[in-house]
Amino acid sequence: MNNNAYPYVDGFVAAVPTANKADFIEHARAAAVVFKEHGALRVVECWGDDVPEGEVTSFSMAVKRKDDETVIFSWIEWPSRAVRDEAMPKVMQDPRLQMDANPMPFDGKRLIYGGFASIINE
């Protein structure tokens, strides 16, 4: 049930080496430019500040956070899934986001992501 008046959202959670915070910010800013050029409405990157450890589940457990890492929580808002689906192949091929130009300052194998249809946006 996606109301087309609501944005489509790609969400991300990852563990970033705390020492790489400045590199992560640089990486994320460069990526945000590319996403917005291809139709994203907004790119939000959040650095973990109050992320409790869980006993059964938690952000830290989900990304197998190590002691020297910080959890990040991010999302990209798109006007619709159709815009996202059309843009994403172009974003992934953009030379500014290739590993030699903008390497990920974290372990991409532990990145959790997914696309979400907004159902409430108040």
Protein backbone atom coordinates (compact mmCIF):
# COMPACT_ATOMS: atom_id res chain seq x y z
CA MET A 1 0.00 0.00 0.00
CA ASN A 2 2.16 2.85 -1.24
CA ASN A 3 0.56 6.23 -1.51
CA ASN A 4 2.32 7.90 -4.45
CA ALA A 5 2.24 11.17 -2.48
CA TYR A 6 4.74 9.60 -0.09
CA PRO A 7 8.41 9.08 -0.93
CA TYR A 8 10.02 5.69 -1.47
CA VAL A 9 12.90 5.08 0.96
CA ASP A 10 16.08 3.04 0.74
CA GLY A 11 17.37 2.32 4.25
CA PHE A 12 20.86 1.30 5.35
CA VAL A 13 22.59 0.16 8.55
CA ALA A 14 26.33 -0.57 8.73
CA ALA A 15 29.27 -0.68 11.12
CA VAL A 16 31.98 1.86 10.33
CA PRO A 17 35.40 1.87 11.99
CA THR A 18 35.19 4.81 14.39
CA ALA A 19 38.60 6.00 13.20
CA ASN A 20 37.12 6.31 9.67
CA LYS A 21 34.41 8.83 10.61
CA ALA A 22 35.92 11.66 8.53
CA ASP A 23 36.44 9.30 5.58
CA PHE A 24 32.86 8.07 5.91
CA ILE A 25 31.50 11.63 5.88
CA GLU A 26 33.54 12.43 2.76
CA HIS A 27 32.37 9.20 1.09
CA ALA A 28 28.74 9.86 2.00
CA ARG A 29 28.80 13.49 0.83
CA ALA A 30 30.19 12.45 -2.56
CA ALA A 31 27.58 9.71 -2.89
CA ALA A 32 24.76 12.09 -1.89
CA VAL A 33 25.63 14.39 -4.80
CA VAL A 34 25.33 11.48 -7.23
CA PHE A 35 22.07 10.18 -5.74
CA LYS A 36 20.50 13.65 -5.88
CA GLU A 37 21.65 14.18 -9.47
CA HIS A 38 19.75 11.00 -10.35
CA GLY A 39 16.50 12.01 -8.64
CA ALA A 40 16.84 11.43 -4.90
CA LEU A 41 14.95 13.99 -2.86
CA ARG A 42 17.10 13.70 0.25
CA VAL A 43 20.05 11.70 1.58
CA VAL A 44 20.40 11.37 5.36
CA GLU A 45 23.46 9.88 7.10
CA CYS A 46 23.41 9.38 10.87
CA TRP A 47 26.35 8.47 13.13
CA GLY A 48 25.44 6.25 16.09
CA ASP A 49 25.19 8.20 19.33
CA ASP A 50 22.82 6.26 21.59
CA VAL A 51 22.68 2.73 20.16
CA PRO A 52 22.04 0.26 22.98
CA GLU A 53 23.37 -3.27 22.89
CA GLY A 54 20.64 -5.87 22.79
CA GLU A 55 20.30 -9.30 24.32
CA VAL A 56 18.31 -10.80 21.43
CA THR A 57 18.55 -8.21 18.64
CA SER A 58 20.11 -4.80 18.12
CA PHE A 59 21.63 -2.65 15.41
CA SER A 60 25.08 -3.65 16.66
CA MET A 61 24.29 -7.35 16.51
CA ALA A 62 22.71 -7.04 13.08
CA VAL A 63 25.88 -5.57 11.54
CA LYS A 64 28.29 -7.57 13.74
CA ARG A 65 29.76 -4.33 15.10
CA LYS A 66 33.27 -4.66 16.50
CA ASP A 67 34.50 -2.74 19.55
CA ASP A 68 36.29 -0.16 17.39
CA GLU A 69 33.25 0.51 15.16
CA THR A 70 30.19 2.76 15.25
CA VAL A 71 26.78 1.94 13.79
CA ILE A 72 25.48 4.24 11.06
CA PHE A 73 21.85 4.56 10.03
CA SER A 74 21.07 6.13 6.68
CA TRP A 75 18.28 6.61 4.22
CA ILE A 76 17.65 7.99 0.77
CA GLU A 77 14.25 9.42 -0.11
CA TRP A 78 13.02 9.08 -3.68
CA PRO A 79 9.84 10.48 -5.24
CA SER A 80 8.77 6.90 -6.06
CA ARG A 81 10.09 3.39 -6.45
CA ALA A 82 9.98 3.85 -10.22
CA VAL A 83 12.38 6.80 -9.98
CA ARG A 84 14.64 4.78 -7.66
CA ASP A 85 14.58 1.74 -9.93
CA GLU A 86 15.49 3.84 -12.96
CA ALA A 87 18.21 5.77 -11.14
CA MET A 88 19.98 3.00 -9.24
CA PRO A 89 21.77 1.35 -12.22
CA LYS A 90 23.00 4.80 -13.29
CA VAL A 91 24.16 5.59 -9.75
CA MET A 92 26.04 2.30 -9.48
CA GLN A 93 27.79 2.93 -12.82
CA ASP A 94 28.69 6.54 -12.03
CA PRO A 95 32.51 6.88 -12.14
CA ARG A 96 32.44 9.01 -8.97
CA LEU A 97 31.18 6.04 -6.97
CA GLN A 98 33.60 3.42 -8.23
CA MET A 99 35.89 1.88 -5.62
CA ASP A 100 39.02 3.57 -6.98
CA ALA A 101 37.36 7.02 -6.85
CA ASN A 102 35.31 6.66 -3.66
CA PRO A 103 36.20 3.53 -1.66
CA MET A 104 33.82 2.45 1.09
CA PRO A 105 35.47 3.16 4.45
CA PHE A 106 33.67 0.17 6.01
CA ASP A 107 32.99 -3.52 5.38
CA GLY A 108 30.28 -3.55 2.72
CA LYS A 109 29.59 -7.23 3.40
CA ARG A 110 27.99 -6.21 6.71
CA LEU A 111 25.83 -3.46 5.18
CA ILE A 112 22.12 -4.05 5.63
CA TYR A 113 19.81 -2.34 3.14
CA GLY A 114 16.33 -2.47 1.74
CA GLY A 115 13.67 -0.47 -0.05
CA PHE A 116 10.55 0.64 1.78
CA ALA A 117 7.21 2.02 0.64
CA SER A 118 6.12 4.86 2.92
CA ILE A 119 2.74 4.27 4.54
CA ILE A 120 2.69 7.23 6.97
CA ASN A 121 4.52 10.50 6.37
CA GLU A 122 3.36 13.19 8.79
